[in-house]
């Protein structure tokens, strides 16, 4: 991508105070608002720096380099950061809601299990009472027969 001549040319250009100032302004605009806004702001048709040869190519190569590194404008970064915070809040809300639903289901299930257990115990006690009553009645009948 870069050869020695291009690198030397870029270093010479960046040594020019006019280009350095322009590039720093261009770079700041690119970071804050994006490449399209930077290009609009700093007319790269060569009119901005007519006395500096290859200035347009320098800006384009540095912009390409910036994009290759994966840098994004701060506006986009702020948008993504806000979206991330929004998603974290929604995620937290959903986790709390699910936890509450699970708690309610567990509580409801526990109450039904207790009711079922109590019903079983009550029926078992009734059966035991009935068995005990039958046993006592039969015991009384046996005593009557023995007399």
Protein backbone atom coordinates (compact mmCIF):
# COMPACT_ATOMS: atom_id res chain seq x y z
CA UNK A 1 0.00 0.00 0.00
CA UNK A 2 2.69 2.53 1.02
CA UNK A 3 6.03 2.61 -0.72
CA UNK A 4 9.13 4.54 0.36
CA UNK A 5 8.48 7.44 -2.02
CA UNK A 6 4.90 7.81 -0.86
CA UNK A 7 5.95 7.67 2.79
CA UNK A 8 8.64 10.32 2.20
CA UNK A 9 6.14 12.49 0.31
CA UNK A 10 3.64 12.19 3.17
CA UNK A 11 6.25 13.06 5.76
CA UNK A 12 7.28 16.10 3.70
CA UNK A 13 3.65 17.14 3.43
CA UNK A 14 3.07 16.71 7.14
CA UNK A 15 6.14 18.84 7.75
CA UNK A 16 4.33 21.72 6.04
CA UNK A 17 2.59 23.80 8.80
CA UNK A 18 -0.37 24.57 6.55
CA UNK A 19 -1.01 20.90 5.84
CA UNK A 20 -0.37 19.91 9.46
CA UNK A 21 -2.96 22.41 10.71
CA UNK A 22 -5.39 21.41 7.99
CA UNK A 23 -4.93 17.73 8.63
CA UNK A 24 -5.37 18.08 12.38
CA UNK A 25 -8.60 20.00 11.79
CA UNK A 26 -9.67 17.43 9.19
CA UNK A 27 -8.81 14.55 11.54
CA UNK A 28 -10.70 16.14 14.44
CA UNK A 29 -13.76 16.70 12.25
CA UNK A 30 -13.48 13.12 10.96
CA UNK A 31 -13.39 11.77 14.53
CA UNK A 32 -16.24 13.94 15.74
CA UNK A 33 -18.68 13.77 12.84
CA UNK A 34 -17.45 11.22 10.33
CA UNK A 35 -15.62 11.09 7.03
CA UNK A 36 -18.33 12.65 4.88
CA UNK A 37 -18.61 15.70 7.13
CA UNK A 38 -14.83 16.07 7.23
CA UNK A 39 -14.67 15.98 3.44
CA UNK A 40 -17.44 18.57 3.18
CA UNK A 41 -15.78 20.76 5.79
CA UNK A 42 -12.32 20.57 4.26
CA UNK A 43 -12.73 20.90 0.54
CA UNK A 44 -10.41 18.17 -0.73
CA UNK A 45 -10.58 19.19 -4.36
CA UNK A 46 -7.23 20.92 -4.01
CA UNK A 47 -8.69 24.40 -3.66
CA UNK A 48 -7.96 24.52 0.07
CA UNK A 49 -4.22 23.95 -0.42
CA UNK A 50 -3.33 24.98 -3.98
CA UNK A 51 0.27 25.74 -3.04
CA UNK A 52 0.86 22.30 -1.52
CA UNK A 53 1.27 19.46 -4.02
CA UNK A 54 -0.31 16.08 -3.16
CA UNK A 55 -2.29 17.50 -0.20
CA UNK A 56 -5.50 15.88 -1.42
CA UNK A 57 -3.81 12.50 -1.79
CA UNK A 58 -2.26 12.90 1.68
CA UNK A 59 -5.65 13.53 3.28
CA UNK A 60 -7.22 10.61 1.42
CA UNK A 61 -4.43 8.19 2.41
CA UNK A 62 -4.55 9.25 6.04
CA UNK A 63 -8.34 8.88 6.05
CA UNK A 64 -7.97 5.39 4.54
CA UNK A 65 -5.36 4.54 7.16
CA UNK A 66 -7.69 5.73 9.91
CA UNK A 67 -10.50 3.59 8.54
CA UNK A 68 -8.21 0.55 8.27
CA UNK A 69 -7.40 0.87 11.97
CA UNK A 70 -11.12 0.68 12.69
CA UNK A 71 -11.53 4.09 14.28
CA UNK A 72 -15.07 5.40 14.35
CA UNK A 73 -16.34 8.94 14.76
CA UNK A 74 -17.19 9.92 18.31
CA UNK A 75 -20.80 10.61 17.26
CA UNK A 76 -21.21 6.97 16.23
CA UNK A 77 -19.36 5.81 19.32
CA UNK A 78 -21.70 7.88 21.52
CA UNK A 79 -24.71 6.42 19.72
CA UNK A 80 -23.45 2.88 20.26
CA UNK A 81 -22.65 3.68 23.90
CA UNK A 82 -26.19 5.01 24.47
CA UNK A 83 -27.67 1.96 22.75
CA UNK A 84 -25.49 -0.29 24.91
CA UNK A 85 -26.72 1.42 28.09
CA UNK A 86 -30.32 1.13 26.89
CA UNK A 87 -29.82 -2.57 26.20
CA UNK A 88 -28.25 -3.10 29.63
CA UNK A 89 -31.30 -1.48 31.29
CA UNK A 90 -33.69 -3.57 29.19
CA UNK A 91 -31.69 -6.71 29.96
CA UNK A 92 -31.78 -5.93 33.67
CA UNK A 93 -35.55 -5.31 33.50
CA UNK A 94 -36.10 -8.60 31.67
CA UNK A 95 -33.93 -10.53 34.15
CA UNK A 96 -35.85 -9.02 37.08
CA UNK A 97 -39.18 -9.82 35.42
CA UNK A 98 -38.17 -13.43 34.74
CA UNK A 99 -36.85 -13.81 38.29
CA UNK A 100 -40.15 -12.46 39.66
CA UNK A 101 -42.17 -14.78 37.42
CA UNK A 102 -40.08 -17.78 38.48
CA UNK A 103 -40.57 -16.81 42.12
CA UNK A 104 -44.33 -16.52 41.64
CA UNK A 105 -44.47 -19.86 39.83
CA UNK A 106 -42.40 -21.52 42.56
CA UNK A 107 -44.60 -19.99 45.25
CA UNK A 108 -47.75 -21.04 43.42
CA UNK A 109 -46.39 -24.54 42.86
CA UNK A 110 -45.37 -24.82 46.51
CA UNK A 111 -48.83 -23.72 47.66
CA UNK A 112 -50.52 -26.29 45.40
CA UNK A 113 -48.15 -29.01 46.61
CA UNK A 114 -48.95 -28.10 50.23
CA UNK A 115 -52.69 -28.17 49.48
CA UNK A 116 -52.35 -31.56 47.77
CA UNK A 117 -50.26 -32.90 50.66
CA UNK A 118 -52.79 -31.62 53.20
CA UNK A 119 -55.64 -33.23 51.22
CA UNK A 120 -53.77 -36.55 51.15
CA UNK A 121 -53.06 -36.36 54.89
CA UNK A 122 -56.71 -35.49 55.63
CA UNK A 123 -57.94 -38.43 53.54
CA UNK A 124 -55.42 -40.73 55.19
CA UNK A 125 -56.61 -39.61 58.65
CA UNK A 126 -60.24 -40.19 57.66
CA UNK A 127 -59.36 -43.64 56.39
CA UNK A 128 -57.43 -44.41 59.58
CA UNK A 129 -60.36 -43.22 61.69
CA UNK A 130 -62.71 -45.35 59.64
CA UNK A 131 -60.42 -48.39 59.96
CA UNK A 132 -60.07 -47.78 63.71
CA UNK A 133 -63.85 -47.41 64.07
CA UNK A 134 -64.45 -50.61 62.10
CA UNK A 135 -61.87 -52.42 64.19
CA UNK A 136 -63.47 -51.21 67.42
CA UNK A 137 -66.94 -52.12 66.14
CA UNK A 138 -65.78 -55.61 65.23
CA UNK A 139 -64.06 -55.95 68.58
CA UNK A 140 -67.31 -54.96 70.33
CA UNK A 141 -69.26 -57.50 68.26
CA UNK A 142 -66.77 -60.21 69.17
CA UNK A 143 -67.21 -59.34 72.84
CA UNK A 144 -70.98 -59.51 72.48
CA UNK A 145 -70.71 -62.93 70.86
CA UNK A 146 -68.45 -64.16 73.63
CA UNK A 147 -70.90 -63.22 76.30
